[in-house]
Amino acid sequence: MAAQKKRSSGEPQWLTADEGQTWRVLHDVLSGLPAVLSDQLRRDADLSFLEYYVLAGLSEQPDHSLRMSQLAILANSELSRLSHLVGRLEKRGLIVRKPDPTDKRFNRAILTAAGRKLVTQAAPGHVEHVRHLIFDVLDETEQHALRGALMKVRAELIQQLLACP
């Protein structure tokens, strides 16, 4: 495990040239990947990346449903933004919202048969595109190194998120 770099008191510790280059590449990937994935999904399935991610997340649940608040966490979306997105998917007959039977204060998003059919049809093209963009350009050692590095970053992000009030 790499040792944490010591921060000087009061003075910002600017990124080194090497760190800056890594940050810019990571930023480009984080910014560009959703757009490129959305382009493919729009062409093939008339879905944005976030819409696909919501449908896929619901399809992976045993009852094909989640509370809206849980779905917002899964989609990394504010509840109000997710509500608009789910509304659009409802109009297309892909999702329905119903009160949670265990607590009527909450609504559940439920994947419809049409939603399951669309996500099932969209998945092979999406997976092929992900494979082309990420896994086909990395050998096995690079893939494992990337996963290891991202797991460390994710762990730090989770700590930061849990520390937020």
N, C-alpha and C. Protein backbone atom coordinates (compact mmCIF):
# COMPACT_ATOMS: atom_id res chain seq x y z
N MET A 1 0.85 -1.18 0.00
CA MET A 1 0.00 0.00 0.00
C MET A 1 0.89 1.24 0.00
N ALA A 2 0.60 2.15 -0.86
CA ALA A 2 1.39 3.38 -0.94
C ALA A 2 1.13 4.24 0.28
N ALA A 3 2.18 4.84 0.79
CA ALA A 3 2.03 5.72 1.95
C ALA A 3 1.35 7.01 1.51
N GLN A 4 0.51 7.54 2.41
CA GLN A 4 -0.12 8.81 2.10
C GLN A 4 0.94 9.91 2.12
N LYS A 5 0.83 10.82 1.16
CA LYS A 5 1.78 11.92 1.10
C LYS A 5 1.47 12.91 2.21
N LYS A 6 2.51 13.38 2.84
CA LYS A 6 2.36 14.33 3.94
C LYS A 6 2.00 15.70 3.37
N ARG A 7 0.96 16.30 3.94
CA ARG A 7 0.52 17.62 3.49
C ARG A 7 1.17 18.67 4.39
N SER A 8 1.70 19.69 3.77
CA SER A 8 2.29 20.77 4.55
C SER A 8 1.18 21.64 5.13
N SER A 9 1.46 22.27 6.23
CA SER A 9 0.44 23.08 6.89
C SER A 9 0.20 24.38 6.13
N GLY A 10 -1.04 24.58 5.70
CA GLY A 10 -1.43 25.83 5.08
C GLY A 10 -1.10 25.97 3.60
N GLU A 11 -0.07 25.34 3.15
CA GLU A 11 0.33 25.47 1.75
C GLU A 11 -0.30 24.36 0.91
N PRO A 12 -0.89 24.72 -0.24
CA PRO A 12 -1.43 23.66 -1.09
C PRO A 12 -0.29 22.81 -1.65
N GLN A 13 -0.55 21.53 -1.72
CA GLN A 13 0.43 20.63 -2.33
C GLN A 13 -0.04 20.38 -3.77
N TRP A 14 0.53 21.15 -4.69
CA TRP A 14 0.12 21.08 -6.08
C TRP A 14 0.48 19.72 -6.66
N LEU A 15 -0.26 19.33 -7.67
CA LEU A 15 0.03 18.07 -8.34
C LEU A 15 1.35 18.19 -9.08
N THR A 16 2.10 17.12 -9.06
CA THR A 16 3.32 17.07 -9.86
C THR A 16 2.90 16.99 -11.33
N ALA A 17 3.85 17.17 -12.22
CA ALA A 17 3.55 17.07 -13.64
C ALA A 17 2.98 15.69 -13.97
N ASP A 18 3.55 14.65 -13.37
CA ASP A 18 3.08 13.29 -13.60
C ASP A 18 1.66 13.10 -13.05
N GLU A 19 1.41 13.59 -11.83
CA GLU A 19 0.08 13.50 -11.23
C GLU A 19 -0.93 14.30 -12.05
N GLY A 20 -0.53 15.46 -12.51
CA GLY A 20 -1.42 16.29 -13.33
C GLY A 20 -1.81 15.59 -14.62
N GLN A 21 -0.86 14.92 -15.23
CA GLN A 21 -1.16 14.19 -16.46
C GLN A 21 -2.14 13.03 -16.17
N THR A 22 -1.90 12.32 -15.07
CA THR A 22 -2.81 11.23 -14.68
C THR A 22 -4.20 11.78 -14.40
N TRP A 23 -4.29 12.89 -13.67
CA TRP A 23 -5.58 13.49 -13.35
C TRP A 23 -6.33 13.89 -14.63
N ARG A 24 -5.65 14.52 -15.58
CA ARG A 24 -6.30 14.94 -16.82
C ARG A 24 -6.82 13.75 -17.61
N VAL A 25 -6.04 12.66 -17.66
CA VAL A 25 -6.49 11.46 -18.36
C VAL A 25 -7.71 10.87 -17.66
N LEU A 26 -7.66 10.78 -16.33
CA LEU A 26 -8.80 10.25 -15.57
C LEU A 26 -10.03 11.13 -15.80
N HIS A 27 -9.86 12.44 -15.75
CA HIS A 27 -10.97 13.37 -15.99
C HIS A 27 -11.56 13.15 -17.38
N ASP A 28 -10.71 13.01 -18.38
CA ASP A 28 -11.19 12.78 -19.75
C ASP A 28 -12.00 11.49 -19.83
N VAL A 29 -11.54 10.43 -19.16
CA VAL A 29 -12.26 9.15 -19.18
C VAL A 29 -13.59 9.30 -18.44
N LEU A 30 -13.56 9.90 -17.24
CA LEU A 30 -14.79 10.06 -16.47
C LEU A 30 -15.81 10.93 -17.20
N SER A 31 -15.34 11.94 -17.91
CA SER A 31 -16.23 12.84 -18.64
C SER A 31 -16.72 12.22 -19.94
N GLY A 32 -15.84 11.53 -20.63
CA GLY A 32 -16.17 11.04 -21.96
C GLY A 32 -16.91 9.72 -22.00
N LEU A 33 -16.64 8.85 -21.04
CA LEU A 33 -17.22 7.51 -21.09
C LEU A 33 -18.76 7.52 -21.09
N PRO A 34 -19.41 8.26 -20.18
CA PRO A 34 -20.88 8.26 -20.23
C PRO A 34 -21.44 8.77 -21.56
N ALA A 35 -20.80 9.77 -22.15
CA ALA A 35 -21.28 10.31 -23.42
C ALA A 35 -21.14 9.29 -24.55
N VAL A 36 -20.00 8.61 -24.59
CA VAL A 36 -19.77 7.60 -25.63
C VAL A 36 -20.72 6.42 -25.44
N LEU A 37 -20.92 6.00 -24.20
CA LEU A 37 -21.86 4.91 -23.94
C LEU A 37 -23.29 5.32 -24.26
N SER A 38 -23.65 6.56 -23.95
CA SER A 38 -24.98 7.06 -24.29
C SER A 38 -25.21 7.09 -25.79
N ASP A 39 -24.21 7.51 -26.55
CA ASP A 39 -24.35 7.54 -28.01
C ASP A 39 -24.73 6.17 -28.54
N GLN A 40 -24.02 5.14 -28.10
CA GLN A 40 -24.31 3.78 -28.57
C GLN A 40 -25.69 3.34 -28.12
N LEU A 41 -26.04 3.61 -26.86
CA LEU A 41 -27.34 3.19 -26.35
C LEU A 41 -28.48 3.94 -27.02
N ARG A 42 -28.28 5.22 -27.33
CA ARG A 42 -29.32 5.99 -28.04
C ARG A 42 -29.55 5.41 -29.44
N ARG A 43 -28.44 5.12 -30.13
CA ARG A 43 -28.56 4.55 -31.48
C ARG A 43 -29.27 3.20 -31.46
N ASP A 44 -28.86 2.34 -30.52
CA ASP A 44 -29.33 0.95 -30.53
C ASP A 44 -30.65 0.74 -29.78
N ALA A 45 -30.92 1.54 -28.76
CA ALA A 45 -32.07 1.24 -27.90
C ALA A 45 -32.89 2.48 -27.52
N ASP A 46 -32.54 3.65 -28.04
CA ASP A 46 -33.22 4.90 -27.70
C ASP A 46 -33.23 5.14 -26.18
N LEU A 47 -32.06 4.88 -25.56
CA LEU A 47 -31.89 5.10 -24.12
C LEU A 47 -30.62 5.90 -23.87
N SER A 48 -30.65 6.75 -22.85
CA SER A 48 -29.41 7.37 -22.39
C SER A 48 -28.68 6.35 -21.51
N PHE A 49 -27.43 6.66 -21.21
CA PHE A 49 -26.67 5.77 -20.32
C PHE A 49 -27.35 5.66 -18.96
N LEU A 50 -27.82 6.79 -18.41
CA LEU A 50 -28.46 6.76 -17.10
C LEU A 50 -29.78 5.98 -17.15
N GLU A 51 -30.54 6.15 -18.21
CA GLU A 51 -31.79 5.39 -18.35
C GLU A 51 -31.49 3.89 -18.39
N TYR A 52 -30.48 3.52 -19.17
CA TYR A 52 -30.10 2.10 -19.25
C TYR A 52 -29.66 1.61 -17.88
N TYR A 53 -28.86 2.41 -17.18
CA TYR A 53 -28.35 2.01 -15.87
C TYR A 53 -29.48 1.80 -14.87
N VAL A 54 -30.50 2.66 -14.92
CA VAL A 54 -31.67 2.51 -14.05
C VAL A 54 -32.43 1.24 -14.40
N LEU A 55 -32.68 1.02 -15.69
CA LEU A 55 -33.40 -0.20 -16.10
C LEU A 55 -32.60 -1.45 -15.74
N ALA A 56 -31.30 -1.42 -16.00
CA ALA A 56 -30.46 -2.58 -15.69
C ALA A 56 -30.43 -2.83 -14.18
N GLY A 57 -30.34 -1.76 -13.39
CA GLY A 57 -30.33 -1.91 -11.94
C GLY A 57 -31.62 -2.55 -11.43
N LEU A 58 -32.75 -2.13 -11.99
CA LEU A 58 -34.02 -2.73 -11.61
C LEU A 58 -34.10 -4.18 -12.07
N SER A 59 -33.56 -4.46 -13.24
CA SER A 59 -33.63 -5.83 -13.78
C SER A 59 -32.83 -6.80 -12.92
N GLU A 60 -31.86 -6.31 -12.17
CA GLU A 60 -31.02 -7.17 -11.34
C GLU A 60 -31.62 -7.43 -9.96
N GLN A 61 -32.72 -6.75 -9.64
CA GLN A 61 -33.37 -6.96 -8.35
C GLN A 61 -34.29 -8.17 -8.44
N PRO A 62 -34.39 -8.97 -7.37
CA PRO A 62 -35.23 -10.18 -7.42
C PRO A 62 -36.68 -9.89 -7.85
N ASP A 63 -37.24 -8.77 -7.39
CA ASP A 63 -38.62 -8.44 -7.75
C ASP A 63 -38.70 -7.32 -8.80
N HIS A 64 -37.55 -7.00 -9.41
CA HIS A 64 -37.46 -5.95 -10.45
C HIS A 64 -37.97 -4.60 -9.95
N SER A 65 -37.77 -4.33 -8.66
CA SER A 65 -38.22 -3.05 -8.13
C SER A 65 -37.29 -2.57 -7.02
N LEU A 66 -37.31 -1.25 -6.83
CA LEU A 66 -36.57 -0.62 -5.74
C LEU A 66 -37.34 0.62 -5.30
N ARG A 67 -37.15 0.97 -4.03
CA ARG A 67 -37.64 2.27 -3.58
C ARG A 67 -36.92 3.34 -4.40
N MET A 68 -37.61 4.42 -4.66
CA MET A 68 -37.01 5.51 -5.45
C MET A 68 -35.74 6.02 -4.78
N SER A 69 -35.72 6.10 -3.46
CA SER A 69 -34.53 6.57 -2.75
C SER A 69 -33.36 5.62 -2.95
N GLN A 70 -33.62 4.32 -2.97
CA GLN A 70 -32.56 3.34 -3.21
C GLN A 70 -32.08 3.42 -4.66
N LEU A 71 -33.01 3.62 -5.57
CA LEU A 71 -32.66 3.74 -6.99
C LEU A 71 -31.82 5.00 -7.22
N ALA A 72 -32.11 6.07 -6.50
CA ALA A 72 -31.32 7.30 -6.62
C ALA A 72 -29.88 7.05 -6.20
N ILE A 73 -29.68 6.28 -5.14
CA ILE A 73 -28.33 5.94 -4.69
C ILE A 73 -27.64 5.09 -5.74
N LEU A 74 -28.33 4.08 -6.25
CA LEU A 74 -27.77 3.21 -7.28
C LEU A 74 -27.35 4.01 -8.52
N ALA A 75 -28.19 4.96 -8.90
CA ALA A 75 -27.94 5.75 -10.11
C ALA A 75 -27.06 6.97 -9.84
N ASN A 76 -26.66 7.17 -8.58
CA ASN A 76 -25.87 8.33 -8.19
C ASN A 76 -26.54 9.61 -8.68
N SER A 77 -27.82 9.72 -8.36
CA SER A 77 -28.64 10.83 -8.85
C SER A 77 -29.42 11.42 -7.70
N GLU A 78 -29.68 12.71 -7.79
CA GLU A 78 -30.57 13.33 -6.81
C GLU A 78 -31.97 12.79 -7.05
N LEU A 79 -32.74 12.68 -5.99
CA LEU A 79 -34.07 12.10 -6.08
C LEU A 79 -34.96 12.88 -7.06
N SER A 80 -34.87 14.20 -7.06
CA SER A 80 -35.71 14.99 -7.97
C SER A 80 -35.34 14.73 -9.43
N ARG A 81 -34.05 14.64 -9.72
CA ARG A 81 -33.61 14.35 -11.09
C ARG A 81 -34.05 12.95 -11.50
N LEU A 82 -33.89 11.99 -10.59
CA LEU A 82 -34.29 10.62 -10.87
C LEU A 82 -35.80 10.55 -11.10
N SER A 83 -36.56 11.31 -10.35
CA SER A 83 -38.01 11.31 -10.49
C SER A 83 -38.41 11.74 -11.90
N HIS A 84 -37.74 12.74 -12.45
CA HIS A 84 -38.02 13.18 -13.82
C HIS A 84 -37.65 12.08 -14.82
N LEU A 85 -36.50 11.45 -14.61
CA LEU A 85 -36.07 10.37 -15.49
C LEU A 85 -37.07 9.21 -15.45
N VAL A 86 -37.48 8.81 -14.25
CA VAL A 86 -38.43 7.72 -14.11
C VAL A 86 -39.77 8.11 -14.75
N GLY A 87 -40.13 9.37 -14.63
CA GLY A 87 -41.36 9.84 -15.29
C GLY A 87 -41.30 9.64 -16.80
N ARG A 88 -40.14 9.94 -17.40
CA ARG A 88 -39.98 9.73 -18.84
C ARG A 88 -40.07 8.24 -19.18
N LEU A 89 -39.45 7.40 -18.34
CA LEU A 89 -39.51 5.96 -18.58
C LEU A 89 -40.92 5.42 -18.36
N GLU A 90 -41.66 6.02 -17.44
CA GLU A 90 -43.06 5.63 -17.22
C GLU A 90 -43.90 5.92 -18.46
N LYS A 91 -43.70 7.10 -19.04
CA LYS A 91 -44.45 7.48 -20.25
C LYS A 91 -44.20 6.50 -21.39
N ARG A 92 -43.02 5.89 -21.40
CA ARG A 92 -42.68 4.91 -22.44
C ARG A 92 -43.13 3.50 -22.06
N GLY A 93 -43.72 3.34 -20.88
CA GLY A 93 -44.22 2.04 -20.44
C GLY A 93 -43.13 1.10 -19.96
N LEU A 94 -41.95 1.65 -19.59
CA LEU A 94 -40.82 0.81 -19.18
C LEU A 94 -40.75 0.61 -17.67
N ILE A 95 -41.34 1.53 -16.92
CA ILE A 95 -41.34 1.51 -15.46
C ILE A 95 -42.72 1.98 -15.00
N VAL A 96 -43.16 1.47 -13.86
CA VAL A 96 -44.32 2.04 -13.16
C VAL A 96 -43.88 2.38 -11.74
N ARG A 97 -44.53 3.36 -11.17
CA ARG A 97 -44.29 3.71 -9.77
C ARG A 97 -45.53 3.35 -8.97
N LYS A 98 -45.29 2.70 -7.84
CA LYS A 98 -46.39 2.32 -6.94
C LYS A 98 -45.93 2.55 -5.52
N PRO A 99 -46.90 2.82 -4.63
CA PRO A 99 -46.52 2.94 -3.21
C PRO A 99 -45.88 1.65 -2.72
N ASP A 100 -44.89 1.80 -1.85
CA ASP A 100 -44.23 0.65 -1.26
C ASP A 100 -45.23 -0.04 -0.33
N PRO A 101 -45.50 -1.33 -0.55
CA PRO A 101 -46.50 -2.00 0.29
C PRO A 101 -46.11 -2.09 1.77
N THR A 102 -44.81 -2.00 2.07
CA THR A 102 -44.37 -2.09 3.47
C THR A 102 -44.38 -0.73 4.16
N ASP A 103 -44.38 0.36 3.37
CA ASP A 103 -44.40 1.71 3.94
C ASP A 103 -44.90 2.66 2.86
N LYS A 104 -46.16 3.05 2.97
CA LYS A 104 -46.82 3.86 1.94
C LYS A 104 -46.21 5.25 1.76
N ARG A 105 -45.30 5.65 2.66
CA ARG A 105 -44.64 6.96 2.51
C ARG A 105 -43.66 6.94 1.34
N PHE A 106 -43.26 5.75 0.90
CA PHE A 106 -42.26 5.60 -0.15
C PHE A 106 -42.90 5.06 -1.42
N ASN A 107 -42.33 5.43 -2.54
CA ASN A 107 -42.73 4.86 -3.82
C ASN A 107 -41.66 3.91 -4.31
N ARG A 108 -42.07 2.89 -5.02
CA ARG A 108 -41.16 1.94 -5.63
C ARG A 108 -41.22 2.14 -7.14
N ALA A 109 -40.07 2.03 -7.78
CA ALA A 109 -40.01 1.98 -9.24
C ALA A 109 -39.98 0.50 -9.59
N ILE A 110 -40.86 0.11 -10.50
CA ILE A 110 -41.00 -1.30 -10.86
C ILE A 110 -40.81 -1.43 -12.37
N LEU A 111 -39.89 -2.29 -12.75
CA LEU A 111 -39.62 -2.54 -14.16
C LEU A 111 -40.79 -3.32 -14.76
N THR A 112 -41.31 -2.84 -15.88
CA THR A 112 -42.41 -3.53 -16.55
C THR A 112 -41.84 -4.61 -17.48
N ALA A 113 -42.74 -5.42 -18.02
CA ALA A 113 -42.31 -6.44 -18.99
C ALA A 113 -41.65 -5.78 -20.20
N ALA A 114 -42.20 -4.65 -20.63
CA ALA A 114 -41.59 -3.92 -21.76
C ALA A 114 -40.20 -3.41 -21.39
N GLY A 115 -40.04 -2.95 -20.15
CA GLY A 115 -38.74 -2.50 -19.69
C GLY A 115 -37.72 -3.63 -19.64
N ARG A 116 -38.15 -4.79 -19.15
CA ARG A 116 -37.27 -5.96 -19.11
C ARG A 116 -36.86 -6.37 -20.53
N LYS A 117 -37.83 -6.33 -21.44
CA LYS A 117 -37.54 -6.71 -22.83
C LYS A 117 -36.52 -5.74 -23.44
N LEU A 118 -36.71 -4.44 -23.22
CA LEU A 118 -35.80 -3.45 -23.81
C LEU A 118 -34.39 -3.58 -23.24
N VAL A 119 -34.27 -3.70 -21.92
CA VAL A 119 -32.94 -3.80 -21.31
C VAL A 119 -32.26 -5.10 -21.74
N THR A 120 -33.02 -6.15 -21.89
CA THR A 120 -32.46 -7.43 -22.35
C THR A 120 -31.97 -7.32 -23.79
N GLN A 121 -32.71 -6.59 -24.61
CA GLN A 121 -32.29 -6.38 -26.00
C GLN A 121 -31.08 -5.44 -26.10
N ALA A 122 -31.02 -4.44 -25.21
CA ALA A 122 -29.94 -3.45 -25.26
C ALA A 122 -28.64 -3.97 -24.67
N ALA A 123 -28.72 -4.91 -23.75
CA ALA A 123 -27.53 -5.36 -23.00
C ALA A 123 -26.41 -5.91 -23.89
N PRO A 124 -26.67 -6.78 -24.85
CA PRO A 124 -25.55 -7.31 -25.64
C PRO A 124 -24.74 -6.24 -26.37
N GLY A 125 -25.40 -5.27 -26.97
CA GLY A 125 -24.69 -4.19 -27.66
C GLY A 125 -23.92 -3.32 -26.69
N HIS A 126 -24.52 -3.07 -25.53
CA HIS A 126 -23.85 -2.26 -24.52
C HIS A 126 -22.60 -2.96 -24.01
N VAL A 127 -22.73 -4.25 -23.69
CA VAL A 127 -21.59 -5.01 -23.19
C VAL A 127 -20.49 -5.08 -24.26
N GLU A 128 -20.88 -5.27 -25.50
CA GLU A 128 -19.89 -5.30 -26.59
C GLU A 128 -19.15 -3.96 -26.68
N HIS A 129 -19.88 -2.86 -26.52
CA HIS A 129 -19.25 -1.53 -26.58
C HIS A 129 -18.31 -1.31 -25.39
N VAL A 130 -18.73 -1.72 -24.19
CA VAL A 130 -17.87 -1.62 -23.00
C VAL A 130 -16.61 -2.45 -23.22
N ARG A 131 -16.79 -3.66 -23.72
CA ARG A 131 -15.64 -4.53 -23.98
C ARG A 131 -14.68 -3.85 -24.96
N HIS A 132 -15.21 -3.28 -26.03
CA HIS A 132 -14.38 -2.62 -27.04
C HIS A 132 -13.62 -1.43 -26.45
N LEU A 133 -14.32 -0.61 -25.66
CA LEU A 133 -13.72 0.61 -25.12
C LEU A 133 -12.70 0.35 -24.02
N ILE A 134 -12.93 -0.68 -23.21
CA ILE A 134 -12.11 -0.86 -22.02
C ILE A 134 -11.29 -2.14 -22.07
N PHE A 135 -11.93 -3.26 -22.20
CA PHE A 135 -11.22 -4.53 -22.03
C PHE A 135 -10.40 -4.95 -23.23
N ASP A 136 -10.83 -4.59 -24.44
CA ASP A 136 -10.05 -4.96 -25.62
C ASP A 136 -8.74 -4.17 -25.73
N VAL A 137 -8.65 -3.03 -25.06
CA VAL A 137 -7.43 -2.22 -25.14
C VAL A 137 -6.46 -2.50 -24.00
N LEU A 138 -6.88 -3.34 -23.04
CA LEU A 138 -6.04 -3.67 -21.89
C LEU A 138 -5.71 -5.15 -21.91
N ASP A 139 -4.46 -5.47 -21.56
CA ASP A 139 -4.18 -6.89 -21.36
C ASP A 139 -4.63 -7.24 -19.94
N GLU A 140 -4.54 -8.51 -19.59
CA GLU A 140 -5.05 -8.96 -18.29
C GLU A 140 -4.34 -8.28 -17.13
N THR A 141 -3.04 -8.10 -17.23
CA THR A 141 -2.28 -7.44 -16.16
C THR A 141 -2.73 -5.99 -16.00
N GLU A 142 -2.93 -5.29 -17.11
CA GLU A 142 -3.39 -3.89 -17.05
C GLU A 142 -4.80 -3.81 -16.47
N GLN A 143 -5.65 -4.75 -16.85
CA GLN A 143 -7.01 -4.75 -16.33
C GLN A 143 -6.99 -4.94 -14.81
N HIS A 144 -6.18 -5.87 -14.33
CA HIS A 144 -6.10 -6.11 -12.89
C HIS A 144 -5.51 -4.91 -12.16
N ALA A 145 -4.50 -4.27 -12.76
CA ALA A 145 -3.90 -3.08 -12.15
C ALA A 145 -4.93 -1.94 -12.09
N LEU A 146 -5.69 -1.77 -13.17
CA LEU A 146 -6.72 -0.73 -13.18
C LEU A 146 -7.77 -1.01 -12.12
N ARG A 147 -8.24 -2.25 -12.03
CA ARG A 147 -9.23 -2.60 -11.02
C ARG A 147 -8.68 -2.35 -9.62
N GLY A 148 -7.45 -2.75 -9.37
CA GLY A 148 -6.86 -2.54 -8.05
C GLY A 148 -6.77 -1.06 -7.70
N ALA A 149 -6.32 -0.26 -8.64
CA ALA A 149 -6.21 1.18 -8.41
C ALA A 149 -7.59 1.80 -8.17
N LEU A 150 -8.56 1.42 -8.97
CA LEU A 150 -9.90 1.99 -8.83
C LEU A 150 -10.56 1.56 -7.52
N MET A 151 -10.27 0.35 -7.07
CA MET A 151 -10.82 -0.10 -5.79
C MET A 151 -10.30 0.76 -4.64
N LYS A 152 -9.03 1.16 -4.72
CA LYS A 152 -8.47 2.04 -3.68
C LYS A 152 -9.14 3.41 -3.73
N VAL A 153 -9.33 3.94 -4.94
CA VAL A 153 -9.97 5.25 -5.09
C VAL A 153 -11.42 5.16 -4.60
N ARG A 154 -12.11 4.09 -4.99
CA ARG A 154 -13.51 3.91 -4.56
C ARG A 154 -13.61 3.85 -3.04
N ALA A 155 -12.70 3.14 -2.39
CA ALA A 155 -12.72 3.04 -0.92
C ALA A 155 -12.59 4.42 -0.30
N GLU A 156 -11.72 5.26 -0.84
CA GLU A 156 -11.56 6.62 -0.32
C GLU A 156 -12.82 7.44 -0.57
N LEU A 157 -13.42 7.29 -1.75
CA LEU A 157 -14.66 8.00 -2.05
C LEU A 157 -15.76 7.60 -1.08
N ILE A 158 -15.88 6.33 -0.79
CA ILE A 158 -16.91 5.85 0.12
C ILE A 158 -16.70 6.44 1.51
N GLN A 159 -15.44 6.49 1.95
CA GLN A 159 -15.17 7.11 3.26
C GLN A 159 -15.61 8.57 3.26
N GLN A 160 -15.30 9.29 2.20
CA GLN A 160 -15.68 10.69 2.10
C GLN A 160 -17.20 10.85 2.08
N LEU A 161 -17.89 10.00 1.32
CA LEU A 161 -19.34 10.07 1.25
C LEU A 161 -19.99 9.76 2.59
N LEU A 162 -19.45 8.79 3.30
CA LEU A 162 -20.00 8.43 4.61
C LEU A 162 -19.74 9.51 5.64
N ALA A 163 -18.68 10.29 5.45
CA ALA A 163 -18.36 11.36 6.39
C ALA A 163 -19.21 12.60 6.17
N CYS A 164 -19.87 12.71 5.00
CA CYS A 164 -20.71 13.88 4.71
C CYS A 164 -21.95 13.85 5.59
N PRO A 165 -22.35 15.03 6.07
CA PRO A 165 -23.54 15.09 6.94
C PRO A 165 -24.80 14.80 6.17
